Amino acid sequence: MEDCIFCKIIAGDIPSNKVYEDDDVYAFDDIEPQAPVHSLVVPKRHVETLNDLDDVSLWNALLRGIKEVARLKGMVDSGYRVAINCGEHGGQVVKHLHVHVLGGKRLDDKMG
């Protein structure tokens, strides 16, 4: 999608701090982190919301990406939080499916 900021990041048109990439997903650090470690895992194919994800193989790729980000960021043993905001009331700001991977400290009941 031409006006999607995440599509532009994936294409390399907007710089990002890449954490992980494979054929299906791209992961990068959030520019407004809510925890010491806060990365986003996004499908390379534009999918607007979780409700639009109907490809099981892409879902599996997202899960693999999440696990790889946790490994690369050193959070496998200490733990981490995974969050997906869906739609306006769910707090989704960018209309491109993305998974927040947060950690690096003990997280309370609130995000971050």
PDB file of N, CA and C in Angstrom:
ATOM      1  N   MET A   1       0.853  -1.167   0.000  1.00  0.00           N
ATOM      2  CA  MET A   1       0.000   0.000   0.000  1.00  0.00           C
ATOM      3  C   MET A   1       0.903   1.236   0.000  1.00  0.00           C
ATOM      4  N   GLU A   2       0.654   2.152  -0.885  1.00  0.00           N
ATOM      5  CA  GLU A   2       1.548   3.281  -1.126  1.00  0.00           C
ATOM      6  C   GLU A   2       1.714   4.220   0.059  1.00  0.00           C
ATOM      7  N   ASP A   3       0.671   4.480   0.828  1.00  0.00           N
ATOM      8  CA  ASP A   3       0.765   5.463   1.904  1.00  0.00           C
ATOM      9  C   ASP A   3       0.998   4.829   3.283  1.00  0.00           C
ATOM     10  N   CYS A   4       1.288   3.553   3.341  1.00  0.00           N
ATOM     11  CA  CYS A   4       1.491   2.843   4.602  1.00  0.00           C
ATOM     12  C   CYS A   4       2.939   3.013   5.062  1.00  0.00           C
ATOM     13  N   ILE A   5       3.119   3.554   6.260  1.00  0.00           N
ATOM     14  CA  ILE A   5       4.464   3.787   6.777  1.00  0.00           C
ATOM     15  C   ILE A   5       5.231   2.480   6.958  1.00  0.00           C
ATOM     16  N   PHE A   6       4.552   1.410   7.372  1.00  0.00           N
ATOM     17  CA  PHE A   6       5.256   0.140   7.556  1.00  0.00           C
ATOM     18  C   PHE A   6       5.649  -0.466   6.213  1.00  0.00           C
ATOM     19  N   CYS A   7       4.827  -0.322   5.201  1.00  0.00           N
ATOM     20  CA  CYS A   7       5.205  -0.790   3.863  1.00  0.00           C
ATOM     21  C   CYS A   7       6.434  -0.034   3.373  1.00  0.00           C
ATOM     22  N   LYS A   8       6.510   1.270   3.681  1.00  0.00           N
ATOM     23  CA  LYS A   8       7.670   2.078   3.283  1.00  0.00           C
ATOM     24  C   LYS A   8       8.917   1.653   4.055  1.00  0.00           C
ATOM     25  N   ILE A   9       8.761   1.293   5.327  1.00  0.00           N
ATOM     26  CA  ILE A   9       9.891   0.794   6.117  1.00  0.00           C
ATOM     27  C   ILE A   9      10.381  -0.524   5.540  1.00  0.00           C
ATOM     28  N   ILE A  10       9.467  -1.433   5.243  1.00  0.00           N
ATOM     29  CA  ILE A  10       9.828  -2.732   4.675  1.00  0.00           C
ATOM     30  C   ILE A  10      10.556  -2.560   3.345  1.00  0.00           C
ATOM     31  N   ALA A  11      10.098  -1.604   2.523  1.00  0.00           N
ATOM     32  CA  ALA A  11      10.706  -1.351   1.214  1.00  0.00           C
ATOM     33  C   ALA A  11      12.055  -0.651   1.319  1.00  0.00           C
ATOM     34  N   GLY A  12      12.383  -0.133   2.504  1.00  0.00           N
ATOM     35  CA  GLY A  12      13.633   0.580   2.681  1.00  0.00           C
ATOM     36  C   GLY A  12      13.548   2.063   2.369  1.00  0.00           C
ATOM     37  N   ASP A  13      12.336   2.551   2.108  1.00  0.00           N
ATOM     38  CA  ASP A  13      12.151   3.971   1.809  1.00  0.00           C
ATOM     39  C   ASP A  13      12.238   4.839   3.060  1.00  0.00           C
ATOM     40  N   ILE A  14      11.953   4.264   4.209  1.00  0.00           N
ATOM     41  CA  ILE A  14      12.079   4.942   5.501  1.00  0.00           C
ATOM     42  C   ILE A  14      13.042   4.106   6.337  1.00  0.00           C
ATOM     43  N   PRO A  15      14.062   4.728   6.928  1.00  0.00           N
ATOM     44  CA  PRO A  15      15.028   3.949   7.704  1.00  0.00           C
ATOM     45  C   PRO A  15      14.419   3.367   8.975  1.00  0.00           C
ATOM     46  N   SER A  16      14.967   2.235   9.391  1.00  0.00           N
ATOM     47  CA  SER A  16      14.552   1.598  10.636  1.00  0.00           C
ATOM     48  C   SER A  16      15.746   0.856  11.212  1.00  0.00           C
ATOM     49  N   ASN A  17      15.650   0.541  12.490  1.00  0.00           N
ATOM     50  CA  ASN A  17      16.666  -0.287  13.128  1.00  0.00           C
ATOM     51  C   ASN A  17      16.193  -1.737  13.026  1.00  0.00           C
ATOM     52  N   LYS A  18      16.597  -2.388  11.940  1.00  0.00           N
ATOM     53  CA  LYS A  18      16.142  -3.757  11.675  1.00  0.00           C
ATOM     54  C   LYS A  18      16.692  -4.710  12.729  1.00  0.00           C
ATOM     55  N   VAL A  19      15.798  -5.558  13.217  1.00  0.00           N
ATOM     56  CA  VAL A  19      16.159  -6.574  14.196  1.00  0.00           C
ATOM     57  C   VAL A  19      16.217  -7.944  13.531  1.00  0.00           C
ATOM     58  N   TYR A  20      15.285  -8.212  12.630  1.00  0.00           N
ATOM     59  CA  TYR A  20      15.174  -9.531  12.002  1.00  0.00           C
ATOM     60  C   TYR A  20      14.396  -9.389  10.701  1.00  0.00           C
ATOM     61  N   GLU A  21      14.722 -10.253   9.741  1.00  0.00           N
ATOM     62  CA  GLU A  21      13.976 -10.276   8.488  1.00  0.00           C
ATOM     63  C   GLU A  21      14.068 -11.667   7.889  1.00  0.00           C
ATOM     64  N   ASP A  22      12.955 -12.122   7.327  1.00  0.00           N
ATOM     65  CA  ASP A  22      12.954 -13.331   6.508  1.00  0.00           C
ATOM     66  C   ASP A  22      12.053 -13.072   5.304  1.00  0.00           C
ATOM     67  N   ASP A  23      11.672 -14.096   4.590  1.00  0.00           N
ATOM     68  CA  ASP A  23      10.871 -13.909   3.374  1.00  0.00           C
ATOM     69  C   ASP A  23       9.487 -13.327   3.651  1.00  0.00           C
ATOM     70  N   ASP A  24       8.963 -13.544   4.860  1.00  0.00           N
ATOM     71  CA  ASP A  24       7.576 -13.184   5.155  1.00  0.00           C
ATOM     72  C   ASP A  24       7.390 -12.026   6.121  1.00  0.00           C
ATOM     73  N   VAL A  25       8.360 -11.804   7.008  1.00  0.00           N
ATOM     74  CA  VAL A  25       8.200 -10.774   8.037  1.00  0.00           C
ATOM     75  C   VAL A  25       9.432  -9.899   8.142  1.00  0.00           C
ATOM     76  N   TYR A  26       9.208  -8.721   8.708  1.00  0.00           N
ATOM     77  CA  TYR A  26      10.275  -7.758   8.963  1.00  0.00           C
ATOM     78  C   TYR A  26      10.079  -7.272  10.392  1.00  0.00           C
ATOM     79  N   ALA A  27      11.153  -7.235  11.170  1.00  0.00           N
ATOM     80  CA  ALA A  27      11.076  -6.782  12.559  1.00  0.00           C
ATOM     81  C   ALA A  27      12.054  -5.632  12.769  1.00  0.00           C
ATOM     82  N   PHE A  28      11.589  -4.634  13.506  1.00  0.00           N
ATOM     83  CA  PHE A  28      12.415  -3.454  13.753  1.00  0.00           C
ATOM     84  C   PHE A  28      12.046  -2.858  15.111  1.00  0.00           C
ATOM     85  N   ASP A  29      12.952  -2.040  15.637  1.00  0.00           N
ATOM     86  CA  ASP A  29      12.705  -1.411  16.933  1.00  0.00           C
ATOM     87  C   ASP A  29      11.676  -0.294  16.805  1.00  0.00           C
ATOM     88  N   ASP A  30      10.785  -0.211  17.783  1.00  0.00           N
ATOM     89  CA  ASP A  30       9.773   0.838  17.833  1.00  0.00           C
ATOM     90  C   ASP A  30      10.459   2.180  18.099  1.00  0.00           C
ATOM     91  N   ILE A  31      10.011   3.236  17.419  1.00  0.00           N
ATOM     92  CA  ILE A  31      10.639   4.548  17.611  1.00  0.00           C
ATOM     93  C   ILE A  31      10.146   5.250  18.881  1.00  0.00           C
ATOM     94  N   GLU A  32       9.074   4.727  19.484  1.00  0.00           N
ATOM     95  CA  GLU A  32       8.580   5.253  20.757  1.00  0.00           C
ATOM     96  C   GLU A  32       8.430   4.092  21.738  1.00  0.00           C
ATOM     97  N   PRO A  33       9.574   3.549  22.198  1.00  0.00           N
ATOM     98  CA  PRO A  33       9.517   2.332  23.025  1.00  0.00           C
ATOM     99  C   PRO A  33       8.778   2.537  24.338  1.00  0.00           C
ATOM    100  N   GLN A  34       8.019   1.507  24.698  1.00  0.00           N
ATOM    101  CA  GLN A  34       7.270   1.498  25.953  1.00  0.00           C
ATOM    102  C   GLN A  34       7.931   0.593  26.990  1.00  0.00           C
ATOM    103  N   ALA A  35       9.086   0.046  26.643  1.00  0.00           N
ATOM    104  CA  ALA A  35       9.868  -0.809  27.534  1.00  0.00           C
ATOM    105  C   ALA A  35      11.313  -0.734  27.048  1.00  0.00           C
ATOM    106  N   PRO A  36      12.281  -1.201  27.861  1.00  0.00           N
ATOM    107  CA  PRO A  36      13.670  -1.169  27.403  1.00  0.00           C
ATOM    108  C   PRO A  36      13.882  -1.870  26.051  1.00  0.00           C
ATOM    109  N   VAL A  37      13.158  -2.947  25.826  1.00  0.00           N
ATOM    110  CA  VAL A  37      13.146  -3.600  24.522  1.00  0.00           C
ATOM    111  C   VAL A  37      11.724  -3.494  23.984  1.00  0.00           C
ATOM    112  N   HIS A  38      11.580  -2.925  22.807  1.00  0.00           N
ATOM    113  CA  HIS A  38      10.256  -2.800  22.181  1.00  0.00           C
ATOM    114  C   HIS A  38      10.455  -2.850  20.673  1.00  0.00           C
ATOM    115  N   SER A  39      10.176  -4.015  20.113  1.00  0.00           N
ATOM    116  CA  SER A  39      10.302  -4.218  18.672  1.00  0.00           C
ATOM    117  C   SER A  39       8.941  -4.535  18.084  1.00  0.00           C
ATOM    118  N   LEU A  40       8.811  -4.309  16.797  1.00  0.00           N
ATOM    119  CA  LEU A  40       7.592  -4.640  16.057  1.00  0.00           C
ATOM    120  C   LEU A  40       7.916  -5.704  15.026  1.00  0.00           C
ATOM    121  N   VAL A  41       7.034  -6.662  14.911  1.00  0.00           N
ATOM    122  CA  VAL A  41       7.136  -7.687  13.871  1.00  0.00           C
ATOM    123  C   VAL A  41       5.950  -7.483  12.943  1.00  0.00           C
ATOM    124  N   VAL A  42       6.231  -7.279  11.653  1.00  0.00           N
ATOM    125  CA  VAL A  42       5.166  -6.984  10.691  1.00  0.00           C
ATOM    126  C   VAL A  42       5.261  -7.928   9.497  1.00  0.00           C
ATOM    127  N   PRO A  43       4.118  -8.314   8.945  1.00  0.00           N
ATOM    128  CA  PRO A  43       4.180  -9.099   7.710  1.00  0.00           C
ATOM    129  C   PRO A  43       4.648  -8.198   6.569  1.00  0.00           C
ATOM    130  N   LYS A  44       5.438  -8.750   5.668  1.00  0.00           N
ATOM    131  CA  LYS A  44       5.890  -7.973   4.518  1.00  0.00           C
ATOM    132  C   LYS A  44       4.728  -7.664   3.579  1.00  0.00           C
ATOM    133  N   ARG A  45       3.787  -8.574   3.518  1.00  0.00           N
ATOM    134  CA  ARG A  45       2.577  -8.342   2.722  1.00  0.00           C
ATOM    135  C   ARG A  45       1.648  -7.459   3.543  1.00  0.00           C
ATOM    136  N   HIS A  46       1.061  -6.446   2.921  1.00  0.00           N
ATOM    137  CA  HIS A  46       0.173  -5.548   3.653  1.00  0.00           C
ATOM    138  C   HIS A  46      -1.096  -6.284   4.071  1.00  0.00           C
ATOM    139  N   VAL A  47      -1.286  -6.358   5.374  1.00  0.00           N
ATOM    140  CA  VAL A  47      -2.494  -6.891   5.998  1.00  0.00           C
ATOM    141  C   VAL A  47      -2.911  -5.818   6.981  1.00  0.00           C
ATOM    142  N   GLU A  48      -4.118  -5.289   6.850  1.00  0.00           N
ATOM    143  CA  GLU A  48      -4.491  -4.115   7.640  1.00  0.00           C
ATOM    144  C   GLU A  48      -4.639  -4.406   9.125  1.00  0.00           C
ATOM    145  N   THR A  49      -5.389  -5.427   9.491  1.00  0.00           N
ATOM    146  CA  THR A  49      -5.616  -5.734  10.909  1.00  0.00           C
ATOM    147  C   THR A  49      -5.542  -7.236  11.136  1.00  0.00           C
ATOM    148  N   LEU A  50      -5.536  -7.618  12.387  1.00  0.00           N
ATOM    149  CA  LEU A  50      -5.576  -9.034  12.732  1.00  0.00           C
ATOM    150  C   LEU A  50      -6.810  -9.702  12.126  1.00  0.00           C
ATOM    151  N   ASN A  51      -7.921  -8.965  12.053  1.00  0.00           N
ATOM    152  CA  ASN A  51      -9.147  -9.509  11.472  1.00  0.00           C
ATOM    153  C   ASN A  51      -8.991  -9.873   9.996  1.00  0.00           C
ATOM    154  N   ASP A  52      -8.015  -9.279   9.324  1.00  0.00           N
ATOM    155  CA  ASP A  52      -7.796  -9.529   7.901  1.00  0.00           C
ATOM    156  C   ASP A  52      -6.794 -10.647   7.644  1.00  0.00           C
ATOM    157  N   LEU A  53      -6.201 -11.178   8.687  1.00  0.00           N
ATOM    158  CA  LEU A  53      -5.206 -12.241   8.530  1.00  0.00           C
ATOM    159  C   LEU A  53      -5.910 -13.581   8.380  1.00  0.00           C
ATOM    160  N   ASP A  54      -5.897 -14.112   7.164  1.00  0.00           N
ATOM    161  CA  ASP A  54      -6.552 -15.390   6.911  1.00  0.00           C
ATOM    162  C   ASP A  54      -5.577 -16.442   6.387  1.00  0.00           C
ATOM    163  N   ASP A  55      -4.299 -16.145   6.452  1.00  0.00           N
ATOM    164  CA  ASP A  55      -3.255 -17.031   5.948  1.00  0.00           C
ATOM    165  C   ASP A  55      -2.521 -17.653   7.137  1.00  0.00           C
ATOM    166  N   VAL A  56      -2.753 -18.935   7.362  1.00  0.00           N
ATOM    167  CA  VAL A  56      -2.150 -19.621   8.502  1.00  0.00           C
ATOM    168  C   VAL A  56      -0.627 -19.614   8.399  1.00  0.00           C
ATOM    169  N   SER A  57      -0.098 -19.742   7.204  1.00  0.00           N
ATOM    170  CA  SER A  57       1.358 -19.751   7.053  1.00  0.00           C
ATOM    171  C   SER A  57       1.949 -18.385   7.425  1.00  0.00           C
ATOM    172  N   LEU A  58       1.239 -17.299   7.148  1.00  0.00           N
ATOM    173  CA  LEU A  58       1.716 -15.976   7.542  1.00  0.00           C
ATOM    174  C   LEU A  58       1.637 -15.813   9.060  1.00  0.00           C
ATOM    175  N   TRP A  59       0.589 -16.326   9.670  1.00  0.00           N
ATOM    176  CA  TRP A  59       0.482 -16.303  11.131  1.00  0.00           C
ATOM    177  C   TRP A  59       1.669 -17.049  11.743  1.00  0.00           C
ATOM    178  N   ASN A  60       1.992 -18.216  11.197  1.00  0.00           N
ATOM    179  CA  ASN A  60       3.137 -18.986  11.690  1.00  0.00           C
ATOM    180  C   ASN A  60       4.437 -18.213  11.501  1.00  0.00           C
ATOM    181  N   ALA A  61       4.570 -17.514  10.384  1.00  0.00           N
ATOM    182  CA  ALA A  61       5.767 -16.710  10.135  1.00  0.00           C
ATOM    183  C   ALA A  61       5.880 -15.582  11.163  1.00  0.00           C
ATOM    184  N   LEU A  62       4.761 -14.955  11.508  1.00  0.00           N
ATOM    185  CA  LEU A  62       4.773 -13.923  12.545  1.00  0.00           C
ATOM    186  C   LEU A  62       5.233 -14.502  13.881  1.00  0.00           C
ATOM    187  N   LEU A  63       4.724 -15.670  14.236  1.00  0.00           N
ATOM    188  CA  LEU A  63       5.120 -16.305  15.496  1.00  0.00           C
ATOM    189  C   LEU A  63       6.609 -16.646  15.498  1.00  0.00           C
ATOM    190  N   ARG A  64       7.117 -17.149  14.374  1.00  0.00           N
ATOM    191  CA  ARG A  64       8.555 -17.430  14.279  1.00  0.00           C
ATOM    192  C   ARG A  64       9.359 -16.137  14.424  1.00  0.00           C
ATOM    193  N   GLY A  65       8.876 -15.063  13.803  1.00  0.00           N
ATOM    194  CA  GLY A  65       9.546 -13.772  13.908  1.00  0.00           C
ATOM    195  C   GLY A  65       9.577 -13.263  15.342  1.00  0.00           C
ATOM    196  N   ILE A  66       8.482 -13.425  16.052  1.00  0.00           N
ATOM    197  CA  ILE A  66       8.407 -13.019  17.455  1.00  0.00           C
ATOM    198  C   ILE A  66       9.457 -13.775  18.273  1.00  0.00           C
ATOM    199  N   LYS A  67       9.501 -15.079  18.101  1.00  0.00           N
ATOM    200  CA  LYS A  67      10.463 -15.889  18.841  1.00  0.00           C
ATOM    201  C   LYS A  67      11.900 -15.509  18.495  1.00  0.00           C
ATOM    202  N   GLU A  68      12.147 -15.189  17.239  1.00  0.00           N
ATOM    203  CA  GLU A  68      13.498 -14.815  16.829  1.00  0.00           C
ATOM    204  C   GLU A  68      13.885 -13.455  17.413  1.00  0.00           C
ATOM    205  N   VAL A  69      12.966 -12.506  17.444  1.00  0.00           N
ATOM    206  CA  VAL A  69      13.237 -11.209  18.068  1.00  0.00           C
ATOM    207  C   VAL A  69      13.560 -11.413  19.545  1.00  0.00           C
ATOM    208  N   ALA A  70      12.781 -12.234  20.236  1.00  0.00           N
ATOM    209  CA  ALA A  70      13.034 -12.509  21.651  1.00  0.00           C
ATOM    210  C   ALA A  70      14.423 -13.122  21.844  1.00  0.00           C
ATOM    211  N   ARG A  71      14.805 -14.020  20.958  1.00  0.00           N
ATOM    212  CA  ARG A  71      16.131 -14.643  21.055  1.00  0.00           C
ATOM    213  C   ARG A  71      17.225 -13.608  20.803  1.00  0.00           C
ATOM    214  N   LEU A  72      17.092 -12.840  19.742  1.00  0.00           N
ATOM    215  CA  LEU A  72      18.111 -11.853  19.386  1.00  0.00           C
ATOM    216  C   LEU A  72      18.252 -10.756  20.434  1.00  0.00           C
ATOM    217  N   LYS A  73      17.159 -10.423  21.109  1.00  0.00           N
ATOM    218  CA  LYS A  73      17.174  -9.374  22.125  1.00  0.00           C
ATOM    219  C   LYS A  73      17.460  -9.914  23.529  1.00  0.00           C
ATOM    220  N   GLY A  74      17.720 -11.229  23.633  1.00  0.00           N
ATOM    221  CA  GLY A  74      18.105 -11.817  24.910  1.00  0.00           C
ATOM    222  C   GLY A  74      16.989 -11.939  25.929  1.00  0.00           C
ATOM    223  N   MET A  75      15.766 -12.152  25.462  1.00  0.00           N
ATOM    224  CA  MET A  75      14.617 -12.199  26.384  1.00  0.00           C
ATOM    225  C   MET A  75      14.004 -13.585  26.548  1.00  0.00           C
ATOM    226  N   VAL A  76      14.584 -14.600  25.941  1.00  0.00           N
ATOM    227  CA  VAL A  76      13.977 -15.932  25.989  1.00  0.00           C
ATOM    228  C   VAL A  76      13.855 -16.432  27.424  1.00  0.00           C
ATOM    229  N   ASP A  77      14.904 -16.307  28.196  1.00  0.00           N
ATOM    230  CA  ASP A  77      14.876 -16.826  29.569  1.00  0.00           C
ATOM    231  C   ASP A  77      14.137 -15.909  30.534  1.00  0.00           C
ATOM    232  N   SER A  78      14.284 -14.601  30.370  1.00  0.00           N
ATOM    233  CA  SER A  78      13.665 -13.662  31.311  1.00  0.00           C
ATOM    234  C   SER A  78      12.192 -13.430  31.026  1.00  0.00           C
ATOM    235  N   GLY A  79      11.785 -13.616  29.782  1.00  0.00           N
ATOM    236  CA  GLY A  79      10.389 -13.439  29.402  1.00  0.00           C
ATOM    237  C   GLY A  79      10.146 -12.131  28.673  1.00  0.00           C
ATOM    238  N   TYR A  80       8.980 -12.067  28.039  1.00  0.00           N
ATOM    239  CA  TYR A  80       8.616 -10.908  27.234  1.00  0.00           C
ATOM    240  C   TYR A  80       7.116 -10.889  27.028  1.00  0.00           C
ATOM    241  N   ARG A  81       6.615  -9.755  26.580  1.00  0.00           N
ATOM    242  CA  ARG A  81       5.192  -9.584  26.312  1.00  0.00           C
ATOM    243  C   ARG A  81       4.984  -9.437  24.817  1.00  0.00           C
ATOM    244  N   VAL A  82       3.893 -10.026  24.318  1.00  0.00           N
ATOM    245  CA  VAL A  82       3.497  -9.920  22.919  1.00  0.00           C
ATOM    246  C   VAL A  82       2.110  -9.291  22.890  1.00  0.00           C
ATOM    247  N   ALA A  83       1.944  -8.231  22.083  1.00  0.00           N
ATOM    248  CA  ALA A  83       0.656  -7.538  22.023  1.00  0.00           C
ATOM    249  C   ALA A  83       0.325  -7.179  20.583  1.00  0.00           C
ATOM    250  N   ILE A  84      -0.952  -7.350  20.253  1.00  0.00           N
ATOM    251  CA  ILE A  84      -1.468  -6.939  18.946  1.00  0.00           C
ATOM    252  C   ILE A  84      -2.668  -6.028  19.197  1.00  0.00           C
ATOM    253  N   ASN A  85      -2.591  -4.802  18.718  1.00  0.00           N
ATOM    254  CA  ASN A  85      -3.726  -3.890  18.789  1.00  0.00           C
ATOM    255  C   ASN A  85      -4.515  -4.054  17.494  1.00  0.00           C
ATOM    256  N   CYS A  86      -5.828  -4.132  17.608  1.00  0.00           N
ATOM    257  CA  CYS A  86      -6.665  -4.365  16.429  1.00  0.00           C
ATOM    258  C   CYS A  86      -7.770  -3.317  16.356  1.00  0.00           C
ATOM    259  N   GLY A  87      -7.708  -2.487  15.325  1.00  0.00           N
ATOM    260  CA  GLY A  87      -8.745  -1.486  15.099  1.00  0.00           C
ATOM    261  C   GLY A  87      -8.629  -0.286  16.014  1.00  0.00           C
ATOM    262  N   GLU A  88      -9.461   0.688  15.754  1.00  0.00           N
ATOM    263  CA  GLU A  88      -9.429   1.967  16.471  1.00  0.00           C
ATOM    264  C   GLU A  88      -9.609   1.793  17.976  1.00  0.00           C
ATOM    265  N   HIS A  89     -10.608   1.046  18.389  1.00  0.00           N
ATOM    266  CA  HIS A  89     -10.875   0.881  19.823  1.00  0.00           C
ATOM    267  C   HIS A  89      -9.830   0.008  20.498  1.00  0.00           C
ATOM    268  N   GLY A  90      -9.119  -0.791  19.713  1.00  0.00           N
ATOM    269  CA  GLY A  90      -8.040  -1.611  20.260  1.00  0.00           C
ATOM    270  C   GLY A  90      -6.721  -0.867  20.333  1.00  0.00           C
ATOM    271  N   GLY A  91      -6.701   0.374  19.862  1.00  0.00           N
ATOM    272  CA  GLY A  91      -5.494   1.187  19.942  1.00  0.00           C
ATOM    273  C   GLY A  91      -4.557   1.059  18.759  1.00  0.00           C
ATOM    274  N   GLN A  92      -5.021   0.454  17.666  1.00  0.00           N
ATOM    275  CA  GLN A  92      -4.165   0.322  16.490  1.00  0.00           C
ATOM    276  C   GLN A  92      -4.036   1.680  15.796  1.00  0.00           C
ATOM    277  N   VAL A  93      -2.818   2.193  15.703  1.00  0.00           N
ATOM    278  CA  VAL A  93      -2.564   3.496  15.103  1.00  0.00           C
ATOM    279  C   VAL A  93      -2.197   3.351  13.637  1.00  0.00           C
ATOM    280  N   VAL A  94      -1.291   2.418  13.323  1.00  0.00           N
ATOM    281  CA  VAL A  94      -0.874   2.175  11.947  1.00  0.00           C
ATOM    282  C   VAL A  94      -1.710   1.024  11.397  1.00  0.00           C
ATOM    283  N   LYS A  95      -2.354   1.263  10.277  1.00  0.00           N
ATOM    284  CA  LYS A  95      -3.245   0.255   9.688  1.00  0.00           C
ATOM    285  C   LYS A  95      -2.460  -0.744   8.831  1.00  0.00           C
ATOM    286  N   HIS A  96      -1.528  -1.407   9.487  1.00  0.00           N
ATOM    287  CA  HIS A  96      -0.759  -2.523   8.933  1.00  0.00           C
ATOM    288  C   HIS A  96      -0.517  -3.425  10.138  1.00  0.00           C
ATOM    289  N   LEU A  97      -0.988  -4.652  10.072  1.00  0.00           N
ATOM    290  CA  LEU A  97      -0.851  -5.587  11.182  1.00  0.00           C
ATOM    291  C   LEU A  97       0.577  -5.562  11.718  1.00  0.00           C
ATOM    292  N   HIS A  98       0.710  -5.416  13.012  1.00  0.00           N
ATOM    293  CA  HIS A  98       2.029  -5.452  13.637  1.00  0.00           C
ATOM    294  C   HIS A  98       1.911  -6.011  15.050  1.00  0.00           C
ATOM    295  N   VAL A  99       2.953  -6.713  15.441  1.00  0.00           N
ATOM    296  CA  VAL A  99       3.008  -7.349  16.750  1.00  0.00           C
ATOM    297  C   VAL A  99       4.083  -6.649  17.570  1.00  0.00           C
ATOM    298  N   HIS A 100       3.709  -6.177  18.754  1.00  0.00           N
ATOM    299  CA  HIS A 100       4.655  -5.569  19.673  1.00  0.00           C
ATOM    300  C   HIS A 100       5.320  -6.679  20.484  1.00  0.00           C
ATOM    301  N   VAL A 101       6.646  -6.631  20.576  1.00  0.00           N
ATOM    302  CA  VAL A 101       7.408  -7.555  21.417  1.00  0.00           C
ATOM    303  C   VAL A 101       8.159  -6.684  22.423  1.00  0.00           C
ATOM    304  N   LEU A 102       7.766  -6.811  23.696  1.00  0.00           N
ATOM    305  CA  LEU A 102       8.302  -5.927  24.743  1.00  0.00           C
ATOM    306  C   LEU A 102       8.968  -6.728  25.841  1.00  0.00           C
ATOM    307  N   GLY A 103      10.013  -6.165  26.412  1.00  0.00           N
ATOM    308  CA  GLY A 103      10.679  -6.813  27.530  1.00  0.00           C
ATOM    309  C   GLY A 103      11.874  -5.991  27.987  1.00  0.00           C
ATOM    310  N   GLY A 104      12.809  -6.679  28.602  1.00  0.00           N
ATOM    311  CA  GLY A 104      13.996  -6.015  29.112  1.00  0.00           C
ATOM    312  C   GLY A 104      13.854  -5.551  30.546  1.00  0.00           C
ATOM    313  N   LYS A 105      12.685  -5.734  31.114  1.00  0.00           N
ATOM    314  CA  LYS A 105      12.407  -5.444  32.524  1.00  0.00           C
ATOM    315  C   LYS A 105      11.129  -6.192  32.891  1.00  0.00           C
ATOM    316  N   ARG A 106      10.857  -6.268  34.167  1.00  0.00           N
ATOM    317  CA  ARG A 106       9.594  -6.851  34.613  1.00  0.00           C
ATOM    318  C   ARG A 106       8.479  -5.889  34.254  1.00  0.00           C
ATOM    319  N   LEU A 107       7.500  -6.357  33.506  1.00  0.00           N
ATOM    320  CA  LEU A 107       6.394  -5.525  33.058  1.00  0.00           C
ATOM    321  C   LEU A 107       5.220  -5.682  34.009  1.00  0.00           C
ATOM    322  N   ASP A 108       4.573  -4.566  34.346  1.00  0.00           N
ATOM    323  CA  ASP A 108       3.401  -4.635  35.209  1.00  0.00           C
ATOM    324  C   ASP A 108       2.171  -4.988  34.382  1.00  0.00           C
ATOM    325  N   ASP A 109       0.987  -4.828  34.949  1.00  0.00           N
ATOM    326  CA  ASP A 109      -0.237  -5.205  34.252  1.00  0.00           C
ATOM    327  C   ASP A 109      -0.564  -4.283  33.085  1.00  0.00           C
ATOM    328  N   LYS A 110       0.011  -3.091  33.065  1.00  0.00           N
ATOM    329  CA  LYS A 110      -0.223  -2.154  31.981  1.00  0.00           C
ATOM    330  C   LYS A 110       0.828  -2.356  30.901  1.00  0.00           C
ATOM    331  N   MET A 111       0.484  -2.003  29.656  1.00  0.00           N
ATOM    332  CA  MET A 111       1.447  -2.103  28.563  1.00  0.00           C
ATOM    333  C   MET A 111       2.655  -1.241  28.907  1.00  0.00           C
ATOM    334  N   GLY A 112       3.845  -1.794  28.796  1.00  0.00           N
ATOM    335  CA  GLY A 112       5.073  -1.050  29.041  1.00  0.00           C
ATOM    336  C   GLY A 112       5.487  -1.163  30.444  1.00  0.00           C
TER     337      GLY A 112
END
